[in-house]
Amino acid sequence: MVTILSLWLAIVLSAVVVWMASLVVWAVLPYHQSDYKGLPDEEAARKALTPLAPGQYNIPHLASRDELKKPEVAKMFEEGPAGFLTITSRGIPSAGRGMALSFVYNLVISFFVAYLASITLAADVSYLGVFRVAGTGSQTPCGLAGPGAPLGNTWATRSSTASSQPASSAGCGPDEDRAAVGVFIVATDIRR
């Protein structure tokens, strides 16, 4: 059995490598430039949204599921628009805070993948066996990542546009290739 403490270097190294790969994908490559679209009249939208406090909103908003039975609510959904809106605090967003949260998120994922591998795999297991367990474990955050996931889009917010985007851009969040990088490092370290 491999102890979690013996994997500390793999945990930190995989978080660093995934963070660096994410930085390249987000800051250098034009890969995510088409994720968001501008509004037709941004100034009018900004004025209409100014009174809103930071938070998450939906339109149409339902106080309870029972409202779905009302014809006027069904009409609102049919006529549109329907959607979700996140209002952030005023001021220029802090890149440093987002980058730090992204690293912490990657570190937590790396820890849990290493933990999963350490309790389920023997020290002499094949590389493919390690990769299979660690790869599956590293994809769990994609399903669990909600709107608060650092710098990312959840699968739910991207699913409506997935059919119009290349398959590689319809992934689970900011680092669709997180498993390939982090799992390789954990798998290599377990086999030592």
C-alpha atoms as a PDB file:
ATOM      1  CA  MET A   1       0.000   0.000   0.000  1.00  0.00           C
ATOM      2  CA  VAL A   2       1.173   3.506  -0.815  1.00  0.00           C
ATOM      3  CA  THR A   3       0.662   6.121   1.899  1.00  0.00           C
ATOM      4  CA  ILE A   4      -0.763   9.534   1.127  1.00  0.00           C
ATOM      5  CA  LEU A   5       2.255  11.164   2.778  1.00  0.00           C
ATOM      6  CA  SER A   6       4.577   9.453   0.315  1.00  0.00           C
ATOM      7  CA  LEU A   7       2.662  11.149  -2.503  1.00  0.00           C
ATOM      8  CA  TRP A   8       3.046  14.737  -1.261  1.00  0.00           C
ATOM      9  CA  LEU A   9       5.490  15.643  -4.026  1.00  0.00           C
ATOM     10  CA  ALA A  10       3.211  14.195  -6.715  1.00  0.00           C
ATOM     11  CA  ILE A  11       0.250  16.089  -5.241  1.00  0.00           C
ATOM     12  CA  VAL A  12       2.017  19.457  -5.276  1.00  0.00           C
ATOM     13  CA  LEU A  13       3.743  18.856  -8.611  1.00  0.00           C
ATOM     14  CA  SER A  14       0.524  17.831 -10.354  1.00  0.00           C
ATOM     15  CA  ALA A  15      -1.281  20.912  -8.979  1.00  0.00           C
ATOM     16  CA  VAL A  16       1.541  23.154 -10.241  1.00  0.00           C
ATOM     17  CA  VAL A  17       1.665  21.540 -13.692  1.00  0.00           C
ATOM     18  CA  VAL A  18      -2.116  21.638 -14.128  1.00  0.00           C
ATOM     19  CA  TRP A  19      -2.183  25.260 -12.970  1.00  0.00           C
ATOM     20  CA  MET A  20       0.542  26.190 -15.456  1.00  0.00           C
ATOM     21  CA  ALA A  21      -1.241  24.340 -18.275  1.00  0.00           C
ATOM     22  CA  SER A  22      -4.465  26.138 -17.343  1.00  0.00           C
ATOM     23  CA  LEU A  23      -2.664  29.476 -17.383  1.00  0.00           C
ATOM     24  CA  VAL A  24      -1.389  28.798 -20.895  1.00  0.00           C
ATOM     25  CA  VAL A  25      -4.818  27.681 -22.115  1.00  0.00           C
ATOM     26  CA  TRP A  26      -6.601  30.695 -20.608  1.00  0.00           C
ATOM     27  CA  ALA A  27      -4.040  33.489 -20.987  1.00  0.00           C
ATOM     28  CA  VAL A  28      -2.010  32.623 -24.070  1.00  0.00           C
ATOM     29  CA  LEU A  29      -4.103  30.515 -26.427  1.00  0.00           C
ATOM     30  CA  PRO A  30      -7.262  31.927 -28.038  1.00  0.00           C
ATOM     31  CA  TYR A  31      -9.084  28.726 -27.020  1.00  0.00           C
ATOM     32  CA  HIS A  32     -11.627  30.348 -24.655  1.00  0.00           C
ATOM     33  CA  GLN A  33     -12.211  33.665 -26.423  1.00  0.00           C
ATOM     34  CA  SER A  34     -15.526  32.452 -27.814  1.00  0.00           C
ATOM     35  CA  ASP A  35     -16.889  31.212 -24.464  1.00  0.00           C
ATOM     36  CA  TYR A  36     -18.786  34.426 -23.799  1.00  0.00           C
ATOM     37  CA  LYS A  37     -20.735  36.658 -26.125  1.00  0.00           C
ATOM     38  CA  GLY A  38     -21.355  40.365 -25.769  1.00  0.00           C
ATOM     39  CA  LEU A  39     -24.835  41.801 -25.355  1.00  0.00           C
ATOM     40  CA  PRO A  40     -26.394  43.701 -28.288  1.00  0.00           C
ATOM     41  CA  ASP A  41     -26.809  46.880 -26.185  1.00  0.00           C
ATOM     42  CA  GLU A  42     -24.352  46.486 -23.332  1.00  0.00           C
ATOM     43  CA  GLU A  43     -24.825  50.011 -21.966  1.00  0.00           C
ATOM     44  CA  ALA A  44     -28.604  49.561 -21.630  1.00  0.00           C
ATOM     45  CA  ALA A  45     -28.097  46.154 -19.981  1.00  0.00           C
ATOM     46  CA  ARG A  46     -25.560  47.622 -17.535  1.00  0.00           C
ATOM     47  CA  LYS A  47     -28.004  50.370 -16.552  1.00  0.00           C
ATOM     48  CA  ALA A  48     -30.832  47.869 -16.058  1.00  0.00           C
ATOM     49  CA  LEU A  49     -28.633  45.596 -13.914  1.00  0.00           C
ATOM     50  CA  THR A  50     -26.994  48.339 -11.813  1.00  0.00           C
ATOM     51  CA  PRO A  51     -29.434  48.025  -8.859  1.00  0.00           C
ATOM     52  CA  LEU A  52     -28.648  44.302  -8.435  1.00  0.00           C
ATOM     53  CA  ALA A  53     -26.420  43.257  -5.555  1.00  0.00           C
ATOM     54  CA  PRO A  54     -23.664  40.718  -6.270  1.00  0.00           C
ATOM     55  CA  GLY A  55     -25.140  37.222  -6.465  1.00  0.00           C
ATOM     56  CA  GLN A  56     -26.692  34.650  -8.769  1.00  0.00           C
ATOM     57  CA  TYR A  57     -30.007  35.286 -10.468  1.00  0.00           C
ATOM     58  CA  ASN A  58     -32.266  33.399 -12.854  1.00  0.00           C
ATOM     59  CA  ILE A  59     -34.937  34.520 -15.265  1.00  0.00           C
ATOM     60  CA  PRO A  60     -37.766  33.669 -15.107  1.00  0.00           C
ATOM     61  CA  HIS A  61     -37.453  33.211 -11.356  1.00  0.00           C
ATOM     62  CA  LEU A  62     -39.774  30.727  -9.652  1.00  0.00           C
ATOM     63  CA  ALA A  63     -40.435  30.879  -5.929  1.00  0.00           C
ATOM     64  CA  SER A  64     -41.395  27.177  -5.992  1.00  0.00           C
ATOM     65  CA  ARG A  65     -41.686  24.296  -8.444  1.00  0.00           C
ATOM     66  CA  ASP A  66     -45.470  24.548  -8.200  1.00  0.00           C
ATOM     67  CA  GLU A  67     -45.303  27.690 -10.329  1.00  0.00           C
ATOM     68  CA  LEU A  68     -44.279  25.550 -13.305  1.00  0.00           C
ATOM     69  CA  LYS A  69     -47.908  24.405 -13.515  1.00  0.00           C
ATOM     70  CA  LYS A  70     -49.153  27.930 -14.187  1.00  0.00           C
ATOM     71  CA  PRO A  71     -49.806  28.764 -17.872  1.00  0.00           C
ATOM     72  CA  GLU A  72     -48.304  32.244 -17.555  1.00  0.00           C
ATOM     73  CA  VAL A  73     -45.016  30.763 -16.304  1.00  0.00           C
ATOM     74  CA  ALA A  74     -44.918  28.270 -19.172  1.00  0.00           C
ATOM     75  CA  LYS A  75     -45.488  31.201 -21.537  1.00  0.00           C
ATOM     76  CA  MET A  76     -42.525  33.091 -20.031  1.00  0.00           C
ATOM     77  CA  PHE A  77     -40.246  30.100 -20.704  1.00  0.00           C
ATOM     78  CA  GLU A  78     -41.575  29.662 -24.235  1.00  0.00           C
ATOM     79  CA  GLU A  79     -41.209  33.333 -25.147  1.00  0.00           C
ATOM     80  CA  GLY A  80     -37.810  33.702 -23.450  1.00  0.00           C
ATOM     81  CA  PRO A  81     -35.326  34.772 -22.587  1.00  0.00           C
ATOM     82  CA  ALA A  82     -34.521  32.228 -19.918  1.00  0.00           C
ATOM     83  CA  GLY A  83     -31.154  32.043 -18.265  1.00  0.00           C
ATOM     84  CA  PHE A  84     -28.815  32.486 -15.353  1.00  0.00           C
ATOM     85  CA  LEU A  85     -26.908  35.601 -14.409  1.00  0.00           C
ATOM     86  CA  THR A  86     -23.996  36.122 -12.045  1.00  0.00           C
ATOM     87  CA  ILE A  87     -23.352  39.652 -10.813  1.00  0.00           C
ATOM     88  CA  THR A  88     -19.904  40.150  -9.296  1.00  0.00           C
ATOM     89  CA  SER A  89     -18.669  42.884  -6.980  1.00  0.00           C
ATOM     90  CA  ARG A  90     -17.856  46.242  -8.514  1.00  0.00           C
ATOM     91  CA  GLY A  91     -14.273  46.993  -9.472  1.00  0.00           C
ATOM     92  CA  ILE A  92     -11.639  45.415 -11.647  1.00  0.00           C
ATOM     93  CA  PRO A  93     -11.479  41.654 -10.981  1.00  0.00           C
ATOM     94  CA  SER A  94      -8.355  40.494  -9.170  1.00  0.00           C
ATOM     95  CA  ALA A  95      -6.394  38.143 -11.383  1.00  0.00           C
ATOM     96  CA  GLY A  96      -4.205  37.194  -8.435  1.00  0.00           C
ATOM     97  CA  ARG A  97      -7.135  36.006  -6.327  1.00  0.00           C
ATOM     98  CA  GLY A  98      -8.561  33.964  -9.194  1.00  0.00           C
ATOM     99  CA  MET A  99      -5.187  32.414  -9.938  1.00  0.00           C
ATOM    100  CA  ALA A 100      -4.659  31.550  -6.265  1.00  0.00           C
ATOM    101  CA  LEU A 101      -8.117  29.980  -6.001  1.00  0.00           C
ATOM    102  CA  SER A 102      -7.470  28.004  -9.175  1.00  0.00           C
ATOM    103  CA  PHE A 103      -4.221  26.638  -7.715  1.00  0.00           C
ATOM    104  CA  VAL A 104      -5.919  25.712  -4.434  1.00  0.00           C
ATOM    105  CA  TYR A 105      -8.702  23.981  -6.401  1.00  0.00           C
ATOM    106  CA  ASN A 106      -6.102  21.982  -8.367  1.00  0.00           C
ATOM    107  CA  LEU A 107      -4.236  21.134  -5.161  1.00  0.00           C
ATOM    108  CA  VAL A 108      -7.413  19.817  -3.523  1.00  0.00           C
ATOM    109  CA  ILE A 109      -8.223  17.710  -6.596  1.00  0.00           C
ATOM    110  CA  SER A 110      -4.668  16.350  -6.689  1.00  0.00           C
ATOM    111  CA  PHE A 111      -4.860  15.451  -2.992  1.00  0.00           C
ATOM    112  CA  PHE A 112      -8.105  13.523  -3.368  1.00  0.00           C
ATOM    113  CA  VAL A 113      -6.928  11.722  -6.505  1.00  0.00           C
ATOM    114  CA  ALA A 114      -3.726  10.705  -4.711  1.00  0.00           C
ATOM    115  CA  TYR A 115      -5.752   9.626  -1.676  1.00  0.00           C
ATOM    116  CA  LEU A 116      -8.062   7.534  -3.837  1.00  0.00           C
ATOM    117  CA  ALA A 117      -5.099   5.915  -5.575  1.00  0.00           C
ATOM    118  CA  SER A 118      -3.283   5.283  -2.283  1.00  0.00           C
ATOM    119  CA  ILE A 119      -6.198   3.414  -0.675  1.00  0.00           C
ATOM    120  CA  THR A 120      -7.231   1.397  -3.726  1.00  0.00           C
ATOM    121  CA  LEU A 121      -3.964   0.440  -5.418  1.00  0.00           C
ATOM    122  CA  ALA A 122      -1.024  -1.703  -4.451  1.00  0.00           C
ATOM    123  CA  ALA A 123       2.499  -0.350  -4.876  1.00  0.00           C
ATOM    124  CA  ASP A 124       3.241  -2.818  -7.685  1.00  0.00           C
ATOM    125  CA  VAL A 125       0.157  -2.127  -9.834  1.00  0.00           C
ATOM    126  CA  SER A 126       0.708  -1.427 -13.515  1.00  0.00           C
ATOM    127  CA  TYR A 127       0.816   2.109 -14.856  1.00  0.00           C
ATOM    128  CA  LEU A 128      -2.450   1.535 -16.729  1.00  0.00           C
ATOM    129  CA  GLY A 129      -4.146   0.423 -13.501  1.00  0.00           C
ATOM    130  CA  VAL A 130      -3.018   3.578 -11.719  1.00  0.00           C
ATOM    131  CA  PHE A 131      -4.015   5.740 -14.672  1.00  0.00           C
ATOM    132  CA  ARG A 132      -7.487   4.176 -14.800  1.00  0.00           C
ATOM    133  CA  VAL A 133      -8.239   4.834 -11.105  1.00  0.00           C
ATOM    134  CA  ALA A 134      -6.600   8.251 -10.946  1.00  0.00           C
ATOM    135  CA  GLY A 135      -8.125   9.324 -14.268  1.00  0.00           C
ATOM    136  CA  THR A 136     -11.611   8.384 -13.137  1.00  0.00           C
ATOM    137  CA  GLY A 137     -11.083  10.132  -9.804  1.00  0.00           C
ATOM    138  CA  SER A 138      -9.799  13.288 -11.423  1.00  0.00           C
ATOM    139  CA  GLN A 139     -12.956  13.618 -13.520  1.00  0.00           C
ATOM    140  CA  THR A 140     -15.225  13.679 -10.454  1.00  0.00           C
ATOM    141  CA  PRO A 141     -14.705  17.428  -9.860  1.00  0.00           C
ATOM    142  CA  CYS A 142     -16.062  18.083 -13.357  1.00  0.00           C
ATOM    143  CA  GLY A 143     -19.434  16.760 -12.265  1.00  0.00           C
ATOM    144  CA  LEU A 144     -19.277  18.387  -8.862  1.00  0.00           C
ATOM    145  CA  ALA A 145     -18.004  21.802  -9.958  1.00  0.00           C
ATOM    146  CA  GLY A 146     -20.753  24.336  -9.580  1.00  0.00           C
ATOM    147  CA  PRO A 147     -20.976  27.996 -10.454  1.00  0.00           C
ATOM    148  CA  GLY A 148     -18.452  28.763  -7.706  1.00  0.00           C
ATOM    149  CA  ALA A 149     -15.685  26.703  -9.262  1.00  0.00           C
ATOM    150  CA  PRO A 150     -12.701  28.992  -9.704  1.00  0.00           C
ATOM    151  CA  LEU A 151     -12.529  30.575 -13.144  1.00  0.00           C
ATOM    152  CA  GLY A 152     -14.656  27.884 -14.698  1.00  0.00           C
ATOM    153  CA  ASN A 153     -17.870  27.144 -16.476  1.00  0.00           C
ATOM    154  CA  THR A 154     -19.883  24.194 -15.282  1.00  0.00           C
ATOM    155  CA  TRP A 155     -21.028  21.534 -17.704  1.00  0.00           C
ATOM    156  CA  ALA A 156     -24.585  22.752 -17.171  1.00  0.00           C
ATOM    157  CA  THR A 157     -23.852  26.281 -18.335  1.00  0.00           C
ATOM    158  CA  ARG A 158     -21.954  25.000 -21.354  1.00  0.00           C
ATOM    159  CA  SER A 159     -24.340  22.224 -22.372  1.00  0.00           C
ATOM    160  CA  SER A 160     -26.616  24.569 -24.292  1.00  0.00           C
ATOM    161  CA  THR A 161     -23.739  25.609 -26.544  1.00  0.00           C
ATOM    162  CA  ALA A 162     -21.931  22.287 -26.693  1.00  0.00           C
ATOM    163  CA  SER A 163     -23.545  21.255 -29.971  1.00  0.00           C
ATOM    164  CA  SER A 164     -22.316  24.401 -31.695  1.00  0.00           C
ATOM    165  CA  GLN A 165     -18.757  24.141 -30.383  1.00  0.00           C
ATOM    166  CA  PRO A 166     -15.966  21.719 -31.204  1.00  0.00           C
ATOM    167  CA  ALA A 167     -16.030  18.667 -28.972  1.00  0.00           C
ATOM    168  CA  SER A 168     -12.841  19.748 -27.199  1.00  0.00           C
ATOM    169  CA  SER A 169     -14.408  23.010 -26.015  1.00  0.00           C
ATOM    170  CA  ALA A 170     -17.583  21.453 -24.621  1.00  0.00           C
ATOM    171  CA  GLY A 171     -15.776  20.056 -21.575  1.00  0.00           C
ATOM    172  CA  CYS A 172     -16.362  20.385 -17.878  1.00  0.00           C
ATOM    173  CA  GLY A 173     -14.525  23.535 -16.943  1.00  0.00           C
ATOM    174  CA  PRO A 174     -11.367  25.539 -17.311  1.00  0.00           C
ATOM    175  CA  ASP A 175      -9.044  22.570 -17.591  1.00  0.00           C
ATOM    176  CA  GLU A 176     -10.619  19.879 -19.726  1.00  0.00           C
ATOM    177  CA  ASP A 177      -7.259  18.092 -19.844  1.00  0.00           C
ATOM    178  CA  ARG A 178      -6.772  18.167 -16.049  1.00  0.00           C
ATOM    179  CA  ALA A 179      -6.797  14.377 -15.841  1.00  0.00           C
ATOM    180  CA  ALA A 180      -4.129  13.824 -18.465  1.00  0.00           C
ATOM    181  CA  VAL A 181      -1.582  16.023 -16.688  1.00  0.00           C
ATOM    182  CA  GLY A 182      -2.317  15.370 -13.020  1.00  0.00           C
ATOM    183  CA  VAL A 183      -2.952  11.656 -13.376  1.00  0.00           C
ATOM    184  CA  PHE A 184       0.304  11.116 -15.206  1.00  0.00           C
ATOM    185  CA  ILE A 185       2.230  12.612 -12.295  1.00  0.00           C
ATOM    186  CA  VAL A 186       0.353  10.650  -9.627  1.00  0.00           C
ATOM    187  CA  ALA A 187       0.604   7.415 -11.637  1.00  0.00           C
ATOM    188  CA  THR A 188       4.332   7.877 -12.158  1.00  0.00           C
ATOM    189  CA  ASP A 189       4.942   8.527  -8.465  1.00  0.00           C
ATOM    190  CA  ILE A 190       2.917   5.526  -7.246  1.00  0.00           C
ATOM    191  CA  ARG A 191       4.901   3.167  -9.456  1.00  0.00           C
ATOM    192  CA  ARG A 192       8.256   4.155  -7.836  1.00  0.00           C
END
